[in-house]
């Protein structure tokens, strides 16, 4: 497989600057607050709620302006634009843990965690086939091409608020943490956890992953019932993303919310 050198170099740079952000001179409670807010905006509102449950699985509907807002939050995670993210994720579900799964766990833990993004996997060519519902939206096509550039206006805003400390904690350190947190759904939850449902793959429920991915760690549940907006469907399973969706519903901003009921 041909190496994706732009992706590799970008990831190396992100992690170098993430380490630089941890130098004592950049620490402050303000920097920590920026990190936490941007983690919530990009990992929860953007990736888990927007890219995943809303766009990939259409587990609920929102007004178009709000859908695009969540997609923009997802693009700020720098985990591909919405079209490519959704296209590869839908293939993951269709071919889970088989040769056609872009991050097939049988190729190894680190392949599933990040290795698959460092090469040209065949799944990328198939993205248009799996995202017909998104291809006609000009804003999603724009995000698909220019999602990385969103870090520039964000960087200018953070610099104006708190200098380089806010920039380093709000962009590279936050990106590195968001990356490894969300990647654990591909790697850790296909390696360790419980499997209350037979899904014919290695998807598992992992409470530790669920704790820092806003409920995405209930992955075996999700593979069994992928269209459910609520993934923590068993007793005692906390699903923070689901609580966000419930709030949207109460505010009249979410409709046609699909929930898997047991018993």
Protein backbone atom coordinates (compact mmCIF):
# COMPACT_ATOMS: atom_id res chain seq x y z
CA UNK A 1 0.00 0.00 0.00
CA UNK A 2 1.16 3.50 -0.85
CA UNK A 3 1.98 5.67 2.17
CA UNK A 4 -0.08 8.83 2.76
CA UNK A 5 2.84 11.16 3.41
CA UNK A 6 0.76 14.35 3.90
CA UNK A 7 -1.25 12.59 6.61
CA UNK A 8 1.87 11.10 8.21
CA UNK A 9 3.69 14.45 8.32
CA UNK A 10 0.61 16.22 9.65
CA UNK A 11 0.19 13.68 12.44
CA UNK A 12 3.86 13.91 13.38
CA UNK A 13 3.62 17.71 13.52
CA UNK A 14 0.45 17.61 15.65
CA UNK A 15 2.09 15.32 18.20
CA UNK A 16 5.31 17.36 18.32
CA UNK A 17 3.36 20.54 19.03
CA UNK A 18 1.15 18.67 21.52
CA UNK A 19 4.26 17.77 23.51
CA UNK A 20 5.45 21.38 23.24
CA UNK A 21 2.12 22.53 24.69
CA UNK A 22 2.91 20.64 27.90
CA UNK A 23 5.89 22.84 28.69
CA UNK A 24 5.34 24.67 32.02
CA UNK A 25 5.23 28.14 30.48
CA UNK A 26 2.06 27.29 28.56
CA UNK A 27 0.12 25.91 31.51
CA UNK A 28 -2.76 27.90 32.99
CA UNK A 29 -6.30 27.24 34.12
CA UNK A 30 -7.39 29.20 31.08
CA UNK A 31 -5.46 26.85 28.77
CA UNK A 32 -7.08 23.86 30.47
CA UNK A 33 -10.53 25.41 30.05
CA UNK A 34 -9.88 26.02 26.35
CA UNK A 35 -8.79 22.39 25.97
CA UNK A 36 -11.90 21.04 27.71
CA UNK A 37 -14.30 23.26 25.78
CA UNK A 38 -12.73 22.43 22.43
CA UNK A 39 -12.63 18.73 23.33
CA UNK A 40 -16.37 18.84 23.99
CA UNK A 41 -17.10 20.86 20.85
CA UNK A 42 -15.09 18.64 18.52
CA UNK A 43 -15.25 15.15 20.10
CA UNK A 44 -18.84 15.26 21.37
CA UNK A 45 -20.80 17.76 19.28
CA UNK A 46 -18.64 17.19 16.22
CA UNK A 47 -17.60 13.55 15.98
CA UNK A 48 -19.91 11.47 18.17
CA UNK A 49 -23.12 13.45 17.78
CA UNK A 50 -22.56 15.07 14.38
CA UNK A 51 -20.41 12.85 12.20
CA UNK A 52 -21.49 9.58 13.81
CA UNK A 53 -25.06 9.44 15.06
CA UNK A 54 -26.53 12.25 12.94
CA UNK A 55 -24.74 12.02 9.58
CA UNK A 56 -23.49 8.43 9.39
CA UNK A 57 -26.54 6.65 10.82
CA UNK A 58 -29.29 9.27 10.52
CA UNK A 59 -30.43 8.27 14.02
CA UNK A 60 -32.28 11.57 14.33
CA UNK A 61 -32.95 14.70 12.31
CA UNK A 62 -32.25 18.36 12.97
CA UNK A 63 -32.84 21.58 11.03
CA UNK A 64 -30.33 21.86 8.18
CA UNK A 65 -28.52 24.83 9.75
CA UNK A 66 -27.97 22.85 12.94
CA UNK A 67 -26.87 19.74 11.04
CA UNK A 68 -24.28 21.85 9.26
CA UNK A 69 -23.16 23.36 12.57
CA UNK A 70 -22.50 19.89 14.01
CA UNK A 71 -20.71 18.91 10.79
CA UNK A 72 -18.48 21.99 11.16
CA UNK A 73 -17.66 20.99 14.74
CA UNK A 74 -16.72 17.58 13.35
CA UNK A 75 -14.51 19.16 10.70
CA UNK A 76 -12.71 21.08 13.47
CA UNK A 77 -11.61 17.69 14.82
CA UNK A 78 -9.47 17.35 11.65
CA UNK A 79 -10.62 13.74 11.30
CA UNK A 80 -11.42 14.12 7.60
CA UNK A 81 -14.30 16.14 6.25
CA UNK A 82 -17.85 14.84 6.83
CA UNK A 83 -18.14 13.04 3.49
CA UNK A 84 -14.99 10.96 3.91
CA UNK A 85 -15.64 10.26 7.59
CA UNK A 86 -19.18 9.09 6.93
CA UNK A 87 -18.19 7.08 3.86
CA UNK A 88 -15.48 5.11 5.63
CA UNK A 89 -17.61 4.58 8.71
CA UNK A 90 -20.50 3.16 6.74
CA UNK A 91 -18.09 0.72 5.12
CA UNK A 92 -16.82 -0.25 8.57
CA UNK A 93 -20.35 -1.28 9.52
CA UNK A 94 -21.08 -3.11 6.30
CA UNK A 95 -17.83 -5.09 6.36
CA UNK A 96 -16.97 -5.00 10.06
CA UNK A 97 -13.74 -6.86 10.89
CA UNK A 98 -13.39 -8.33 7.41
CA UNK A 99 -10.90 -7.58 4.65
CA UNK A 100 -13.07 -4.74 3.28
CA UNK A 101 -13.30 -2.99 6.65
CA UNK A 102 -10.89 -0.01 6.43
CA UNK A 103 -9.74 -0.53 10.03
CA UNK A 104 -10.14 -4.29 10.31
CA UNK A 105 -8.98 -5.33 13.80
CA UNK A 106 -7.64 -8.63 12.45
CA UNK A 107 -4.82 -6.63 10.87
CA UNK A 108 -3.62 -5.64 14.33
CA UNK A 109 -4.42 -3.24 17.16
CA UNK A 110 -2.25 -0.40 15.85
CA UNK A 111 -3.60 -0.80 12.33
CA UNK A 112 -7.12 -0.24 13.68
CA UNK A 113 -5.98 2.58 15.94
CA UNK A 114 -4.24 4.73 13.32
CA UNK A 115 -2.25 2.68 10.80
CA UNK A 116 -5.06 2.46 8.26
CA UNK A 117 -5.01 6.24 7.82
CA UNK A 118 -1.31 6.27 6.96
CA UNK A 119 -1.82 4.38 3.69
CA UNK A 120 -4.17 4.58 0.74
CA UNK A 121 -6.82 2.06 1.79
CA UNK A 122 -9.23 0.91 -0.95
CA UNK A 123 -12.19 2.14 1.12
CA UNK A 124 -11.38 5.76 0.28
CA UNK A 125 -12.18 5.17 -3.41
CA UNK A 126 -15.57 3.77 -2.40
CA UNK A 127 -16.58 6.82 -0.33
CA UNK A 128 -18.77 8.43 -3.07
CA UNK A 129 -20.78 5.22 -3.34
CA UNK A 130 -21.62 5.32 0.37
CA UNK A 131 -22.36 9.04 0.67
CA UNK A 132 -24.88 9.70 -2.08
CA UNK A 133 -27.10 11.47 0.45
CA UNK A 134 -24.34 14.00 1.20
CA UNK A 135 -22.77 14.58 -2.21
CA UNK A 136 -25.41 17.10 -3.31
CA UNK A 137 -24.80 19.43 -0.37
CA UNK A 138 -22.36 22.16 -1.48
CA UNK A 139 -21.35 22.96 2.09
CA UNK A 140 -20.37 19.36 2.80
CA UNK A 141 -18.37 19.26 -0.42
CA UNK A 142 -16.62 22.45 0.71
CA UNK A 143 -15.83 20.97 4.13
CA UNK A 144 -14.59 17.81 2.41
CA UNK A 145 -11.93 19.85 0.61
CA UNK A 146 -11.03 22.53 3.14
CA UNK A 147 -11.68 21.08 6.63
CA UNK A 148 -8.03 21.45 7.70
CA UNK A 149 -8.08 25.18 6.98
CA UNK A 150 -10.66 25.69 9.73
CA UNK A 151 -7.80 25.50 12.24
CA UNK A 152 -6.51 28.87 10.98
CA UNK A 153 -9.45 31.09 12.04
CA UNK A 154 -9.69 29.05 15.24
CA UNK A 155 -5.99 29.68 15.88
CA UNK A 156 -6.41 33.42 15.32
CA UNK A 157 -9.32 33.51 17.76
CA UNK A 158 -7.43 31.55 20.42
CA UNK A 159 -4.32 33.70 19.98
CA UNK A 160 -6.37 36.87 20.46
CA UNK A 161 -7.81 35.43 23.68
CA UNK A 162 -4.71 33.97 25.30
CA UNK A 163 -1.64 33.97 23.07
CA UNK A 164 0.34 30.89 22.10
CA UNK A 165 -0.68 29.00 25.22
CA UNK A 166 -4.32 28.97 24.13
CA UNK A 167 -3.32 28.06 20.57
CA UNK A 168 -1.17 25.11 21.63
CA UNK A 169 -3.70 23.76 24.12
CA UNK A 170 -6.69 24.46 21.90
CA UNK A 171 -5.34 23.00 18.65
CA UNK A 172 -2.42 20.50 18.64
CA UNK A 173 -2.84 19.19 22.20
CA UNK A 174 -6.61 19.00 21.79
CA UNK A 175 -6.28 17.33 18.37
CA UNK A 176 -3.90 14.68 19.71
CA UNK A 177 -6.23 13.87 22.61
CA UNK A 178 -9.34 13.80 20.40
CA UNK A 179 -7.57 11.57 17.89
CA UNK A 180 -6.49 8.94 20.37
CA UNK A 181 -9.79 9.07 22.25
CA UNK A 182 -11.93 8.50 19.17
CA UNK A 183 -9.49 6.00 17.67
CA UNK A 184 -9.97 3.77 20.70
CA UNK A 185 -13.47 3.03 19.39
CA UNK A 186 -11.83 1.33 16.40
CA UNK A 187 -9.06 -0.38 18.35
CA UNK A 188 -9.84 -0.87 22.04
CA UNK A 189 -13.54 -1.70 21.69
CA UNK A 190 -12.70 -4.29 19.03
CA UNK A 191 -10.13 -5.86 21.38
CA UNK A 192 -11.34 -5.68 24.99
CA UNK A 193 -14.78 -5.61 26.54
CA UNK A 194 -18.05 -7.50 26.82
CA UNK A 195 -20.28 -8.76 24.03
CA UNK A 196 -23.88 -9.06 25.23
CA UNK A 197 -25.09 -9.22 21.62
CA UNK A 198 -24.01 -11.52 18.80
CA UNK A 199 -22.84 -9.23 16.01
CA UNK A 200 -20.52 -11.62 14.12
CA UNK A 201 -17.60 -9.22 14.66
CA UNK A 202 -15.34 -8.25 17.55
CA UNK A 203 -17.22 -5.12 18.62
CA UNK A 204 -17.37 -4.92 22.42
CA UNK A 205 -18.75 -2.71 25.15
CA UNK A 206 -15.99 -0.96 27.08
CA UNK A 207 -16.97 1.33 29.96
CA UNK A 208 -13.60 3.10 30.02
CA UNK A 209 -13.85 4.07 26.37
CA UNK A 210 -17.46 5.14 26.93
CA UNK A 211 -16.32 7.41 29.77
CA UNK A 212 -14.11 9.65 27.62
CA UNK A 213 -15.89 9.34 24.26
CA UNK A 214 -19.30 10.54 25.46
CA UNK A 215 -20.86 7.07 25.25
CA UNK A 216 -19.25 5.68 22.12
CA UNK A 217 -17.68 2.83 24.09
CA UNK A 218 -20.97 0.90 24.11
CA UNK A 219 -19.81 -0.37 20.76
CA UNK A 220 -21.28 -3.86 20.77
CA UNK A 221 -24.69 -2.31 21.40
CA UNK A 222 -24.07 0.05 18.53
CA UNK A 223 -23.09 -2.67 16.08
CA UNK A 224 -26.21 -4.61 16.99
CA UNK A 225 -28.49 -1.56 16.68
CA UNK A 226 -26.55 0.97 14.54
CA UNK A 227 -29.52 3.26 13.85
CA UNK A 228 -30.28 3.84 17.56
CA UNK A 229 -29.50 7.38 18.73
CA UNK A 230 -29.04 5.93 22.22
CA UNK A 231 -26.09 3.56 22.49
CA UNK A 232 -26.09 3.00 26.25
CA UNK A 233 -29.21 0.86 26.09
CA UNK A 234 -28.43 -1.58 28.91
CA UNK A 235 -28.87 -0.81 32.63
CA UNK A 236 -26.14 1.38 34.13
CA UNK A 237 -24.65 2.45 30.78
CA UNK A 238 -24.05 6.21 30.79
CA UNK A 239 -24.30 7.74 27.33
CA UNK A 240 -23.52 11.47 27.43
CA UNK A 241 -24.11 12.00 23.71
CA UNK A 242 -27.61 10.61 24.15
CA UNK A 243 -28.31 13.22 26.83
CA UNK A 244 -27.33 15.92 24.34
CA UNK A 245 -29.78 14.48 21.81
CA UNK A 246 -32.51 14.36 24.46
CA UNK A 247 -31.90 18.05 25.20
CA UNK A 248 -32.15 18.88 21.51
CA UNK A 249 -35.42 16.98 21.35
CA UNK A 250 -36.85 18.86 24.34
CA UNK A 251 -35.85 22.14 22.69
CA UNK A 252 -37.61 21.12 19.49
CA UNK A 253 -34.33 20.86 17.58
CA UNK A 254 -34.30 17.08 17.10
CA UNK A 255 -37.05 14.92 15.62
CA UNK A 256 -37.54 11.38 14.37
CA UNK A 257 -35.20 10.19 17.12
CA UNK A 258 -34.65 6.43 16.79
CA UNK A 259 -34.16 4.51 20.05
CA UNK A 260 -33.75 0.77 20.43
CA UNK A 261 -36.03 -0.57 23.17
CA UNK A 262 -35.24 -3.81 24.94
CA UNK A 263 -37.83 -6.06 26.54
